[in-house]
Amino acid sequence: MATRPISAEDHDRIAEAIRTAELKTDGEIYCVVARASDGYFFPAAFTATIGLFIASLAVAYGLEAWWLSIRLPHFVLAQLLALASVFILLRLLPALRIHFVPRRLRYQAAHANAMKQFLARNVHRTQARTGVLIFVSIAERYAEVVADSGIDAKVGQHVWDGVVGDLTKHAGDDRLADGFLKAIGTVGAVLAEHFPVTEGDANELDDHLVEI
C-alpha cells in the first residue's frame, strides 16, 4: 500500500475537498489515516513460536530418518536460541511483525481502530447523526467508511464498498492523497443527495486529514 508520506500540499488539498463537499450537505466528513492499527508483537511471537515448534518436529524426524542423533539438552537449547533470535528480530524490526499475523486478525485490528477513531473524533456526535469517517490503515492494507446511524438508514453498504474499493486501489498505487480526494468527492455527492444543505447548517467537525 502507500508508503510515500502525505505532504503538506496534499493535506491542504484534502482539507479543501472536505470543505467543498460539505458546502452542499448537512453531513460531516472526517478523514483519518493510520500507519498501523496495532504493534502486533504478541500475535507475531505466537505465530513464530508455533512455526518453530513445527520446524523442530520436522528436523527431529529428519535426523531420525538419516540415522543421526542429537542429545536432548542440545536440541532444546537450539530451539530456545532460535526462539530468542526470532523474538529479538521482532522486537528490533516492528515492520516484520505484521507478516506473521493472519489477514483476518489484521483486519480485525484495523476495523477496531476505525471504530475507535469514529468515537474518539466525535464523528458520532453530529446533531443529525450524519457524520462519515473515511479511514485507512496502511500497514494492514485496509480501508473503511464508517457512517453514523442517520446515514445508514438511507445509504446501502454497497455504496461505501465502492468507495473503499477505489480508495484501496489508489493506495495500492501509492496515490493515497488522490484516493482520499476521490473518496471525499463520492461521499460528499452521496450526502448531498440524501442530506442537502439547509439554512443555518454549522460545521461540526474539523476539515482536515488526521495522521496517527
N, C-alpha and C. Protein backbone atom coordinates (compact mmCIF):
# COMPACT_ATOMS: atom_id res chain seq x y z
N MET A 1 0.84 -1.18 0.00
CA MET A 1 0.00 0.00 0.00
C MET A 1 0.88 1.24 0.00
N ALA A 2 0.27 2.39 0.25
CA ALA A 2 1.00 3.65 0.19
C ALA A 2 2.18 3.67 1.17
N THR A 3 3.30 4.16 0.69
CA THR A 3 4.48 4.33 1.55
C THR A 3 4.97 5.76 1.53
N ARG A 4 4.59 6.52 0.49
CA ARG A 4 5.03 7.89 0.37
C ARG A 4 4.31 8.77 1.39
N PRO A 5 5.03 9.61 2.13
CA PRO A 5 4.38 10.47 3.12
C PRO A 5 3.39 11.42 2.44
N ILE A 6 2.34 11.76 3.17
CA ILE A 6 1.37 12.72 2.67
C ILE A 6 1.92 14.12 2.93
N SER A 7 2.12 14.87 1.89
CA SER A 7 2.76 16.18 2.00
C SER A 7 1.81 17.22 2.57
N ALA A 8 2.38 18.36 2.96
CA ALA A 8 1.57 19.47 3.44
C ALA A 8 0.62 19.96 2.35
N GLU A 9 1.09 19.93 1.12
CA GLU A 9 0.23 20.33 0.00
C GLU A 9 -0.95 19.38 -0.14
N ASP A 10 -0.70 18.08 0.03
CA ASP A 10 -1.78 17.10 -0.05
C ASP A 10 -2.78 17.30 1.09
N HIS A 11 -2.27 17.61 2.27
CA HIS A 11 -3.17 17.90 3.40
C HIS A 11 -4.08 19.08 3.06
N ASP A 12 -3.52 20.11 2.45
CA ASP A 12 -4.32 21.28 2.08
C ASP A 12 -5.37 20.90 1.03
N ARG A 13 -4.98 20.07 0.06
CA ARG A 13 -5.93 19.65 -0.97
C ARG A 13 -7.08 18.85 -0.36
N ILE A 14 -6.77 17.98 0.58
CA ILE A 14 -7.80 17.16 1.21
C ILE A 14 -8.73 18.03 2.05
N ALA A 15 -8.15 18.96 2.80
CA ALA A 15 -8.97 19.86 3.61
C ALA A 15 -9.92 20.67 2.74
N GLU A 16 -9.41 21.16 1.62
CA GLU A 16 -10.24 21.95 0.70
C GLU A 16 -11.34 21.08 0.09
N ALA A 17 -11.02 19.83 -0.22
CA ALA A 17 -12.03 18.91 -0.78
C ALA A 17 -13.14 18.66 0.22
N ILE A 18 -12.79 18.53 1.50
CA ILE A 18 -13.82 18.33 2.54
C ILE A 18 -14.70 19.56 2.64
N ARG A 19 -14.08 20.74 2.67
CA ARG A 19 -14.87 21.98 2.77
C ARG A 19 -15.82 22.12 1.57
N THR A 20 -15.30 21.81 0.38
CA THR A 20 -16.13 21.92 -0.83
C THR A 20 -17.29 20.95 -0.80
N ALA A 21 -17.02 19.70 -0.40
CA ALA A 21 -18.08 18.69 -0.34
C ALA A 21 -19.16 19.08 0.66
N GLU A 22 -18.75 19.65 1.79
CA GLU A 22 -19.71 19.97 2.85
C GLU A 22 -20.52 21.23 2.56
N LEU A 23 -20.15 21.98 1.53
CA LEU A 23 -20.96 23.14 1.14
C LEU A 23 -22.34 22.73 0.63
N LYS A 24 -22.46 21.47 0.18
CA LYS A 24 -23.70 21.01 -0.44
C LYS A 24 -24.50 20.07 0.44
N THR A 25 -24.06 19.87 1.68
CA THR A 25 -24.73 18.88 2.52
C THR A 25 -24.66 19.28 4.00
N ASP A 26 -25.64 18.79 4.75
CA ASP A 26 -25.60 18.93 6.20
C ASP A 26 -24.70 17.88 6.83
N GLY A 27 -24.24 16.90 6.04
CA GLY A 27 -23.37 15.85 6.55
C GLY A 27 -21.98 16.38 6.86
N GLU A 28 -21.25 15.58 7.63
CA GLU A 28 -19.88 15.92 8.01
C GLU A 28 -18.94 14.79 7.61
N ILE A 29 -17.80 15.16 7.04
CA ILE A 29 -16.81 14.18 6.59
C ILE A 29 -15.53 14.35 7.40
N TYR A 30 -15.01 13.24 7.88
CA TYR A 30 -13.78 13.26 8.68
C TYR A 30 -12.85 12.18 8.14
N CYS A 31 -11.57 12.50 7.98
CA CYS A 31 -10.61 11.58 7.39
C CYS A 31 -9.47 11.26 8.36
N VAL A 32 -9.16 9.98 8.48
CA VAL A 32 -8.06 9.54 9.34
C VAL A 32 -7.23 8.50 8.59
N VAL A 33 -5.91 8.64 8.67
CA VAL A 33 -5.02 7.61 8.13
C VAL A 33 -4.07 7.19 9.25
N ALA A 34 -3.95 5.87 9.45
CA ALA A 34 -3.07 5.30 10.47
C ALA A 34 -1.93 4.57 9.78
N ARG A 35 -0.72 4.74 10.31
CA ARG A 35 0.39 3.96 9.76
C ARG A 35 0.21 2.47 10.05
N ALA A 36 -0.31 2.15 11.23
CA ALA A 36 -0.63 0.78 11.62
C ALA A 36 -1.66 0.84 12.73
N SER A 37 -2.46 -0.21 12.87
CA SER A 37 -3.52 -0.22 13.88
C SER A 37 -3.16 -1.04 15.11
N ASP A 38 -1.99 -1.63 15.13
CA ASP A 38 -1.55 -2.42 16.28
C ASP A 38 -0.05 -2.63 16.18
N GLY A 39 0.59 -2.94 17.33
CA GLY A 39 2.01 -3.25 17.32
C GLY A 39 2.30 -4.67 16.89
N TYR A 40 1.36 -5.60 17.15
CA TYR A 40 1.39 -6.99 16.69
C TYR A 40 2.53 -7.82 17.24
N PHE A 41 3.21 -7.38 18.31
CA PHE A 41 4.33 -8.19 18.80
C PHE A 41 3.87 -9.56 19.29
N PHE A 42 2.85 -9.59 20.13
CA PHE A 42 2.44 -10.86 20.72
C PHE A 42 1.80 -11.81 19.70
N PRO A 43 0.92 -11.34 18.81
CA PRO A 43 0.42 -12.26 17.78
C PRO A 43 1.54 -12.80 16.89
N ALA A 44 2.51 -11.93 16.54
CA ALA A 44 3.62 -12.37 15.70
C ALA A 44 4.50 -13.37 16.45
N ALA A 45 4.74 -13.11 17.74
CA ALA A 45 5.54 -14.01 18.54
C ALA A 45 4.87 -15.37 18.68
N PHE A 46 3.55 -15.37 18.84
CA PHE A 46 2.82 -16.64 18.95
C PHE A 46 2.94 -17.44 17.66
N THR A 47 2.72 -16.77 16.52
CA THR A 47 2.81 -17.46 15.23
C THR A 47 4.22 -17.99 15.00
N ALA A 48 5.24 -17.19 15.35
CA ALA A 48 6.63 -17.62 15.18
C ALA A 48 6.94 -18.82 16.07
N THR A 49 6.40 -18.84 17.28
CA THR A 49 6.63 -19.95 18.20
C THR A 49 6.05 -21.24 17.63
N ILE A 50 4.81 -21.16 17.13
CA ILE A 50 4.18 -22.34 16.52
C ILE A 50 4.99 -22.81 15.31
N GLY A 51 5.44 -21.86 14.50
CA GLY A 51 6.24 -22.23 13.32
C GLY A 51 7.53 -22.91 13.69
N LEU A 52 8.22 -22.39 14.71
CA LEU A 52 9.47 -23.02 15.15
C LEU A 52 9.23 -24.40 15.74
N PHE A 53 8.13 -24.57 16.44
CA PHE A 53 7.80 -25.89 17.00
C PHE A 53 7.59 -26.91 15.89
N ILE A 54 6.84 -26.50 14.85
CA ILE A 54 6.62 -27.40 13.70
C ILE A 54 7.94 -27.70 12.99
N ALA A 55 8.76 -26.67 12.82
CA ALA A 55 10.07 -26.88 12.17
C ALA A 55 10.94 -27.81 13.00
N SER A 56 10.88 -27.69 14.32
CA SER A 56 11.67 -28.56 15.19
C SER A 56 11.25 -30.02 15.04
N LEU A 57 9.95 -30.25 14.95
CA LEU A 57 9.47 -31.63 14.74
C LEU A 57 9.97 -32.18 13.41
N ALA A 58 9.93 -31.33 12.37
CA ALA A 58 10.40 -31.78 11.06
C ALA A 58 11.88 -32.13 11.11
N VAL A 59 12.68 -31.29 11.80
CA VAL A 59 14.11 -31.56 11.93
C VAL A 59 14.35 -32.85 12.70
N ALA A 60 13.58 -33.04 13.77
CA ALA A 60 13.75 -34.25 14.59
C ALA A 60 13.46 -35.50 13.78
N TYR A 61 12.38 -35.48 13.00
CA TYR A 61 12.06 -36.64 12.16
C TYR A 61 13.10 -36.84 11.06
N GLY A 62 13.62 -35.72 10.53
CA GLY A 62 14.66 -35.83 9.51
C GLY A 62 15.93 -36.46 10.05
N LEU A 63 16.34 -36.03 11.24
CA LEU A 63 17.52 -36.63 11.86
C LEU A 63 17.33 -38.12 12.11
N GLU A 64 16.12 -38.47 12.53
CA GLU A 64 15.82 -39.88 12.78
C GLU A 64 15.88 -40.69 11.48
N ALA A 65 15.35 -40.11 10.42
CA ALA A 65 15.35 -40.82 9.13
C ALA A 65 16.75 -41.00 8.59
N TRP A 66 17.66 -40.07 8.91
CA TRP A 66 19.04 -40.16 8.41
C TRP A 66 19.96 -40.87 9.40
N TRP A 67 19.37 -41.47 10.40
CA TRP A 67 20.13 -42.22 11.40
C TRP A 67 21.14 -41.33 12.12
N LEU A 68 20.72 -40.12 12.36
CA LEU A 68 21.56 -39.19 13.12
C LEU A 68 20.90 -38.95 14.48
N SER A 69 21.71 -38.59 15.43
CA SER A 69 21.16 -38.34 16.77
C SER A 69 21.77 -37.06 17.34
N ILE A 70 21.00 -36.43 18.21
CA ILE A 70 21.46 -35.25 18.90
C ILE A 70 20.94 -35.33 20.34
N ARG A 71 21.78 -34.99 21.26
CA ARG A 71 21.37 -35.08 22.66
C ARG A 71 20.21 -34.12 22.94
N LEU A 72 19.27 -34.57 23.75
CA LEU A 72 18.07 -33.79 24.02
C LEU A 72 18.38 -32.40 24.58
N PRO A 73 19.31 -32.26 25.54
CA PRO A 73 19.60 -30.91 26.04
C PRO A 73 20.08 -29.97 24.94
N HIS A 74 20.91 -30.51 24.02
CA HIS A 74 21.41 -29.69 22.91
C HIS A 74 20.27 -29.29 21.97
N PHE A 75 19.36 -30.24 21.75
CA PHE A 75 18.22 -29.97 20.86
C PHE A 75 17.33 -28.88 21.45
N VAL A 76 17.04 -28.98 22.73
CA VAL A 76 16.21 -27.98 23.41
C VAL A 76 16.91 -26.63 23.42
N LEU A 77 18.22 -26.64 23.68
CA LEU A 77 18.97 -25.38 23.68
C LEU A 77 18.93 -24.71 22.32
N ALA A 78 19.04 -25.51 21.26
CA ALA A 78 18.97 -24.96 19.91
C ALA A 78 17.60 -24.33 19.65
N GLN A 79 16.54 -25.00 20.14
CA GLN A 79 15.20 -24.45 20.00
C GLN A 79 15.07 -23.10 20.72
N LEU A 80 15.57 -23.04 21.93
CA LEU A 80 15.47 -21.82 22.72
C LEU A 80 16.26 -20.68 22.09
N LEU A 81 17.43 -20.99 21.56
CA LEU A 81 18.24 -19.96 20.90
C LEU A 81 17.55 -19.44 19.65
N ALA A 82 16.95 -20.35 18.89
CA ALA A 82 16.23 -19.95 17.68
C ALA A 82 15.05 -19.06 18.05
N LEU A 83 14.31 -19.46 19.09
CA LEU A 83 13.16 -18.69 19.52
C LEU A 83 13.57 -17.31 20.03
N ALA A 84 14.65 -17.26 20.80
CA ALA A 84 15.14 -15.98 21.31
C ALA A 84 15.57 -15.07 20.16
N SER A 85 16.20 -15.65 19.14
CA SER A 85 16.64 -14.86 17.99
C SER A 85 15.45 -14.25 17.26
N VAL A 86 14.39 -15.06 17.10
CA VAL A 86 13.19 -14.56 16.42
C VAL A 86 12.55 -13.44 17.23
N PHE A 87 12.46 -13.62 18.54
CA PHE A 87 11.86 -12.59 19.39
C PHE A 87 12.65 -11.28 19.32
N ILE A 88 13.97 -11.39 19.30
CA ILE A 88 14.80 -10.19 19.21
C ILE A 88 14.57 -9.48 17.88
N LEU A 89 14.47 -10.26 16.80
CA LEU A 89 14.21 -9.66 15.49
C LEU A 89 12.85 -8.96 15.47
N LEU A 90 11.84 -9.61 16.06
CA LEU A 90 10.52 -9.00 16.11
C LEU A 90 10.50 -7.73 16.95
N ARG A 91 11.31 -7.71 17.98
CA ARG A 91 11.39 -6.52 18.83
C ARG A 91 12.11 -5.38 18.12
N LEU A 92 13.19 -5.70 17.40
CA LEU A 92 14.00 -4.67 16.76
C LEU A 92 13.45 -4.22 15.41
N LEU A 93 12.66 -5.08 14.76
CA LEU A 93 12.14 -4.76 13.43
C LEU A 93 10.61 -4.83 13.45
N PRO A 94 9.96 -3.78 13.93
CA PRO A 94 8.49 -3.80 14.05
C PRO A 94 7.79 -4.07 12.72
N ALA A 95 8.36 -3.60 11.61
CA ALA A 95 7.71 -3.79 10.32
C ALA A 95 7.65 -5.26 9.92
N LEU A 96 8.48 -6.10 10.54
CA LEU A 96 8.50 -7.53 10.23
C LEU A 96 7.31 -8.26 10.85
N ARG A 97 6.78 -7.72 11.93
CA ARG A 97 5.77 -8.45 12.72
C ARG A 97 4.51 -8.76 11.93
N ILE A 98 4.04 -7.81 11.16
CA ILE A 98 2.75 -7.96 10.53
C ILE A 98 2.72 -9.13 9.55
N HIS A 99 3.90 -9.52 9.04
CA HIS A 99 3.97 -10.64 8.11
C HIS A 99 3.73 -11.98 8.81
N PHE A 100 3.75 -12.00 10.12
CA PHE A 100 3.49 -13.21 10.89
C PHE A 100 2.04 -13.25 11.40
N VAL A 101 1.25 -12.24 11.05
CA VAL A 101 -0.11 -12.12 11.58
C VAL A 101 -1.11 -12.46 10.48
N PRO A 102 -2.05 -13.35 10.75
CA PRO A 102 -3.07 -13.69 9.75
C PRO A 102 -3.87 -12.47 9.30
N ARG A 103 -4.28 -12.48 8.04
CA ARG A 103 -5.01 -11.34 7.48
C ARG A 103 -6.27 -11.04 8.28
N ARG A 104 -6.99 -12.07 8.70
CA ARG A 104 -8.23 -11.85 9.45
C ARG A 104 -7.97 -11.06 10.73
N LEU A 105 -6.88 -11.38 11.41
CA LEU A 105 -6.54 -10.67 12.65
C LEU A 105 -6.13 -9.24 12.36
N ARG A 106 -5.41 -9.03 11.26
CA ARG A 106 -5.02 -7.67 10.88
C ARG A 106 -6.24 -6.81 10.59
N TYR A 107 -7.18 -7.38 9.84
CA TYR A 107 -8.40 -6.64 9.50
C TYR A 107 -9.24 -6.36 10.74
N GLN A 108 -9.27 -7.30 11.68
CA GLN A 108 -10.00 -7.06 12.92
C GLN A 108 -9.40 -5.89 13.69
N ALA A 109 -8.06 -5.85 13.75
CA ALA A 109 -7.40 -4.75 14.45
C ALA A 109 -7.66 -3.42 13.76
N ALA A 110 -7.62 -3.41 12.43
CA ALA A 110 -7.85 -2.17 11.68
C ALA A 110 -9.30 -1.72 11.84
N HIS A 111 -10.23 -2.66 11.78
CA HIS A 111 -11.65 -2.30 11.96
C HIS A 111 -11.88 -1.73 13.36
N ALA A 112 -11.28 -2.37 14.37
CA ALA A 112 -11.42 -1.87 15.74
C ALA A 112 -10.85 -0.45 15.86
N ASN A 113 -9.76 -0.19 15.17
CA ASN A 113 -9.17 1.15 15.19
C ASN A 113 -10.09 2.16 14.50
N ALA A 114 -10.71 1.74 13.40
CA ALA A 114 -11.65 2.63 12.70
C ALA A 114 -12.80 3.02 13.62
N MET A 115 -13.36 2.04 14.34
CA MET A 115 -14.46 2.33 15.25
C MET A 115 -13.99 3.22 16.41
N LYS A 116 -12.76 2.97 16.86
CA LYS A 116 -12.20 3.79 17.93
C LYS A 116 -12.06 5.25 17.48
N GLN A 117 -11.56 5.44 16.26
CA GLN A 117 -11.41 6.80 15.74
C GLN A 117 -12.76 7.47 15.51
N PHE A 118 -13.74 6.70 15.07
CA PHE A 118 -15.09 7.23 14.86
C PHE A 118 -15.64 7.83 16.15
N LEU A 119 -15.39 7.15 17.26
CA LEU A 119 -15.88 7.63 18.55
C LEU A 119 -14.97 8.72 19.13
N ALA A 120 -13.65 8.50 19.02
CA ALA A 120 -12.71 9.44 19.64
C ALA A 120 -12.75 10.80 18.96
N ARG A 121 -13.04 10.84 17.66
CA ARG A 121 -13.06 12.11 16.92
C ARG A 121 -14.46 12.75 16.92
N ASN A 122 -15.38 12.15 17.68
CA ASN A 122 -16.74 12.69 17.82
C ASN A 122 -17.53 12.73 16.51
N VAL A 123 -17.21 11.82 15.60
CA VAL A 123 -17.96 11.75 14.35
C VAL A 123 -19.40 11.30 14.63
N HIS A 124 -19.60 10.62 15.74
CA HIS A 124 -20.93 10.11 16.11
C HIS A 124 -21.77 11.15 16.85
N ARG A 125 -21.24 12.35 17.02
CA ARG A 125 -21.94 13.34 17.85
C ARG A 125 -22.45 14.54 17.06
N THR A 126 -22.58 14.39 15.76
CA THR A 126 -23.18 15.48 14.99
C THR A 126 -24.67 15.57 15.31
N GLN A 127 -25.24 16.73 15.14
CA GLN A 127 -26.62 16.98 15.57
C GLN A 127 -27.62 16.05 14.89
N ALA A 128 -27.45 15.83 13.58
CA ALA A 128 -28.40 15.00 12.84
C ALA A 128 -27.89 13.57 12.63
N ARG A 129 -26.79 13.22 13.31
CA ARG A 129 -26.16 11.89 13.18
C ARG A 129 -25.81 11.60 11.72
N THR A 130 -25.17 12.58 11.09
CA THR A 130 -24.81 12.46 9.68
C THR A 130 -23.30 12.59 9.47
N GLY A 131 -22.52 12.06 10.41
CA GLY A 131 -21.07 12.07 10.26
C GLY A 131 -20.58 10.83 9.52
N VAL A 132 -19.53 11.01 8.73
CA VAL A 132 -18.91 9.90 8.00
C VAL A 132 -17.41 9.94 8.22
N LEU A 133 -16.86 8.81 8.61
CA LEU A 133 -15.41 8.68 8.76
C LEU A 133 -14.86 7.91 7.57
N ILE A 134 -13.84 8.48 6.92
CA ILE A 134 -13.09 7.77 5.88
C ILE A 134 -11.75 7.39 6.50
N PHE A 135 -11.52 6.09 6.64
CA PHE A 135 -10.39 5.59 7.43
C PHE A 135 -9.51 4.67 6.59
N VAL A 136 -8.20 4.85 6.74
CA VAL A 136 -7.22 3.96 6.08
C VAL A 136 -6.16 3.57 7.10
N SER A 137 -5.84 2.28 7.14
CA SER A 137 -4.71 1.81 7.95
C SER A 137 -3.71 1.17 6.99
N ILE A 138 -2.57 1.82 6.84
CA ILE A 138 -1.65 1.48 5.76
C ILE A 138 -1.02 0.11 5.93
N ALA A 139 -0.50 -0.20 7.12
CA ALA A 139 0.20 -1.46 7.32
C ALA A 139 -0.68 -2.66 7.01
N GLU A 140 -1.97 -2.56 7.34
CA GLU A 140 -2.90 -3.67 7.14
C GLU A 140 -3.51 -3.67 5.75
N ARG A 141 -3.21 -2.65 4.94
CA ARG A 141 -3.81 -2.51 3.62
C ARG A 141 -5.35 -2.52 3.73
N TYR A 142 -5.82 -1.69 4.62
CA TYR A 142 -7.23 -1.72 4.98
C TYR A 142 -7.84 -0.32 4.89
N ALA A 143 -9.05 -0.26 4.38
CA ALA A 143 -9.80 1.00 4.34
C ALA A 143 -11.24 0.71 4.74
N GLU A 144 -11.88 1.72 5.28
CA GLU A 144 -13.27 1.55 5.71
C GLU A 144 -13.96 2.91 5.73
N VAL A 145 -15.23 2.90 5.39
CA VAL A 145 -16.08 4.08 5.55
C VAL A 145 -17.07 3.75 6.66
N VAL A 146 -17.06 4.55 7.71
CA VAL A 146 -17.97 4.35 8.84
C VAL A 146 -18.97 5.50 8.85
N ALA A 147 -20.25 5.17 8.65
CA ALA A 147 -21.31 6.18 8.60
C ALA A 147 -22.18 6.08 9.84
N ASP A 148 -22.61 7.23 10.33
CA ASP A 148 -23.45 7.27 11.51
C ASP A 148 -24.86 6.77 11.18
N SER A 149 -25.66 6.57 12.21
CA SER A 149 -26.97 5.93 12.07
C SER A 149 -27.92 6.70 11.16
N GLY A 150 -27.83 8.02 11.17
CA GLY A 150 -28.71 8.81 10.33
C GLY A 150 -28.49 8.56 8.85
N ILE A 151 -27.25 8.20 8.49
CA ILE A 151 -26.91 7.93 7.09
C ILE A 151 -27.21 6.48 6.73
N ASP A 152 -26.90 5.56 7.63
CA ASP A 152 -27.11 4.14 7.36
C ASP A 152 -28.56 3.83 7.04
N ALA A 153 -29.47 4.63 7.57
CA ALA A 153 -30.88 4.40 7.31
C ALA A 153 -31.26 4.67 5.86
N LYS A 154 -30.41 5.43 5.15
CA LYS A 154 -30.74 5.81 3.77
C LYS A 154 -29.74 5.33 2.73
N VAL A 155 -28.53 4.99 3.14
CA VAL A 155 -27.47 4.63 2.19
C VAL A 155 -27.04 3.19 2.43
N GLY A 156 -27.07 2.39 1.38
CA GLY A 156 -26.70 0.98 1.50
C GLY A 156 -25.19 0.79 1.63
N GLN A 157 -24.81 -0.34 2.21
CA GLN A 157 -23.39 -0.64 2.41
C GLN A 157 -22.64 -0.76 1.08
N HIS A 158 -23.33 -1.18 0.03
CA HIS A 158 -22.66 -1.35 -1.26
C HIS A 158 -22.07 -0.03 -1.77
N VAL A 159 -22.68 1.09 -1.38
CA VAL A 159 -22.14 2.40 -1.78
C VAL A 159 -20.77 2.62 -1.15
N TRP A 160 -20.67 2.33 0.14
CA TRP A 160 -19.39 2.51 0.83
C TRP A 160 -18.36 1.49 0.37
N ASP A 161 -18.82 0.29 0.01
CA ASP A 161 -17.88 -0.72 -0.51
C ASP A 161 -17.21 -0.22 -1.78
N GLY A 162 -17.98 0.47 -2.61
CA GLY A 162 -17.39 1.03 -3.82
C GLY A 162 -16.36 2.09 -3.52
N VAL A 163 -16.63 2.93 -2.54
CA VAL A 163 -15.68 3.96 -2.12
C VAL A 163 -14.40 3.31 -1.60
N VAL A 164 -14.56 2.28 -0.78
CA VAL A 164 -13.40 1.57 -0.22
C VAL A 164 -12.57 0.93 -1.32
N GLY A 165 -13.24 0.34 -2.31
CA GLY A 165 -12.51 -0.28 -3.42
C GLY A 165 -11.64 0.71 -4.17
N ASP A 166 -12.21 1.88 -4.47
CA ASP A 166 -11.43 2.92 -5.16
C ASP A 166 -10.29 3.43 -4.29
N LEU A 167 -10.57 3.60 -3.00
CA LEU A 167 -9.55 4.14 -2.09
C LEU A 167 -8.37 3.18 -1.95
N THR A 168 -8.64 1.89 -1.78
CA THR A 168 -7.55 0.92 -1.65
C THR A 168 -6.76 0.79 -2.96
N LYS A 169 -7.44 0.93 -4.08
CA LYS A 169 -6.73 0.87 -5.37
C LYS A 169 -5.76 2.04 -5.49
N HIS A 170 -6.20 3.23 -5.15
CA HIS A 170 -5.31 4.39 -5.19
C HIS A 170 -4.15 4.22 -4.21
N ALA A 171 -4.45 3.71 -3.01
CA ALA A 171 -3.39 3.49 -2.03
C ALA A 171 -2.39 2.46 -2.51
N GLY A 172 -2.89 1.41 -3.17
CA GLY A 172 -2.00 0.40 -3.71
C GLY A 172 -1.07 0.93 -4.78
N ASP A 173 -1.52 1.98 -5.47
CA ASP A 173 -0.68 2.64 -6.49
C ASP A 173 0.16 3.76 -5.88
N ASP A 174 0.20 3.84 -4.54
CA ASP A 174 0.93 4.87 -3.82
C ASP A 174 0.42 6.27 -4.16
N ARG A 175 -0.90 6.38 -4.31
CA ARG A 175 -1.55 7.67 -4.55
C ARG A 175 -2.66 7.86 -3.51
N LEU A 176 -2.26 7.72 -2.26
CA LEU A 176 -3.24 7.76 -1.18
C LEU A 176 -3.98 9.09 -1.12
N ALA A 177 -3.26 10.19 -1.28
CA ALA A 177 -3.91 11.51 -1.23
C ALA A 177 -4.98 11.63 -2.31
N ASP A 178 -4.67 11.17 -3.53
CA ASP A 178 -5.65 11.20 -4.60
C ASP A 178 -6.84 10.30 -4.28
N GLY A 179 -6.56 9.17 -3.61
CA GLY A 179 -7.64 8.28 -3.19
C GLY A 179 -8.58 8.94 -2.21
N PHE A 180 -8.01 9.69 -1.26
CA PHE A 180 -8.85 10.42 -0.32
C PHE A 180 -9.68 11.48 -1.04
N LEU A 181 -9.07 12.16 -2.00
CA LEU A 181 -9.80 13.19 -2.73
C LEU A 181 -11.00 12.59 -3.46
N LYS A 182 -10.80 11.45 -4.11
CA LYS A 182 -11.92 10.83 -4.82
C LYS A 182 -12.97 10.32 -3.84
N ALA A 183 -12.51 9.73 -2.74
CA ALA A 183 -13.46 9.22 -1.74
C ALA A 183 -14.30 10.36 -1.16
N ILE A 184 -13.65 11.48 -0.86
CA ILE A 184 -14.37 12.63 -0.32
C ILE A 184 -15.41 13.14 -1.32
N GLY A 185 -15.02 13.19 -2.60
CA GLY A 185 -15.96 13.64 -3.62
C GLY A 185 -17.17 12.72 -3.72
N THR A 186 -16.93 11.40 -3.68
CA THR A 186 -18.04 10.44 -3.78
C THR A 186 -18.94 10.51 -2.55
N VAL A 187 -18.31 10.51 -1.36
CA VAL A 187 -19.08 10.58 -0.12
C VAL A 187 -19.87 11.90 -0.07
N GLY A 188 -19.24 12.99 -0.48
CA GLY A 188 -19.92 14.27 -0.49
C GLY A 188 -21.14 14.27 -1.41
N ALA A 189 -21.02 13.63 -2.58
CA ALA A 189 -22.14 13.56 -3.51
C ALA A 189 -23.29 12.74 -2.93
N VAL A 190 -22.95 11.64 -2.26
CA VAL A 190 -23.98 10.81 -1.63
C VAL A 190 -24.69 11.59 -0.52
N LEU A 191 -23.92 12.28 0.29
CA LEU A 191 -24.51 13.07 1.37
C LEU A 191 -25.37 14.20 0.83
N ALA A 192 -24.92 14.85 -0.24
CA ALA A 192 -25.68 15.95 -0.83
C ALA A 192 -27.02 15.46 -1.38
N GLU A 193 -27.02 14.23 -1.89
CA GLU A 193 -28.26 13.66 -2.43
C GLU A 193 -29.28 13.39 -1.33
N HIS A 194 -28.82 12.81 -0.24
CA HIS A 194 -29.74 12.40 0.82
C HIS A 194 -29.90 13.44 1.94
N PHE A 195 -28.86 14.27 2.12
CA PHE A 195 -28.89 15.28 3.18
C PHE A 195 -28.41 16.62 2.64
N PRO A 196 -29.19 17.23 1.75
CA PRO A 196 -28.76 18.52 1.16
C PRO A 196 -28.63 19.59 2.24
N VAL A 197 -27.80 20.56 1.94
CA VAL A 197 -27.52 21.61 2.92
C VAL A 197 -28.79 22.41 3.21
N THR A 198 -28.96 22.77 4.46
CA THR A 198 -30.10 23.57 4.87
C THR A 198 -29.60 24.88 5.49
N GLU A 199 -30.49 25.83 5.58
CA GLU A 199 -30.13 27.13 6.15
C GLU A 199 -29.72 26.97 7.62
N GLY A 200 -28.64 27.62 7.97
CA GLY A 200 -28.16 27.55 9.34
C GLY A 200 -27.27 26.36 9.63
N ASP A 201 -26.92 25.61 8.60
CA ASP A 201 -26.03 24.45 8.80
C ASP A 201 -24.69 24.91 9.37
N ALA A 202 -24.21 24.21 10.39
CA ALA A 202 -22.94 24.57 11.03
C ALA A 202 -21.91 23.48 10.77
N ASN A 203 -20.65 23.89 10.68
CA ASN A 203 -19.57 22.93 10.51
C ASN A 203 -19.20 22.36 11.88
N GLU A 204 -19.50 21.09 12.10
CA GLU A 204 -19.36 20.50 13.42
C GLU A 204 -18.06 19.74 13.64
N LEU A 205 -17.35 19.41 12.56
CA LEU A 205 -16.09 18.66 12.68
C LEU A 205 -14.99 19.37 11.91
N ASP A 206 -13.76 19.16 12.34
CA ASP A 206 -12.61 19.77 11.66
C ASP A 206 -12.49 19.24 10.24
N ASP A 207 -12.10 20.12 9.35
CA ASP A 207 -11.99 19.76 7.92
C ASP A 207 -10.53 19.49 7.56
N HIS A 208 -10.00 18.41 8.03
CA HIS A 208 -8.63 18.06 7.65
C HIS A 208 -8.38 16.57 7.82
N LEU A 209 -7.28 16.10 7.28
CA LEU A 209 -6.87 14.70 7.41
C LEU A 209 -6.01 14.56 8.65
N VAL A 210 -6.36 13.58 9.49
CA VAL A 210 -5.60 13.30 10.70
C VAL A 210 -4.71 12.09 10.43
N GLU A 211 -3.42 12.22 10.75
CA GLU A 211 -2.48 11.11 10.65
C GLU A 211 -2.12 10.62 12.05
N ILE A 212 -2.23 9.30 12.26
CA ILE A 212 -1.91 8.74 13.56
C ILE A 212 -0.92 7.59 13.40
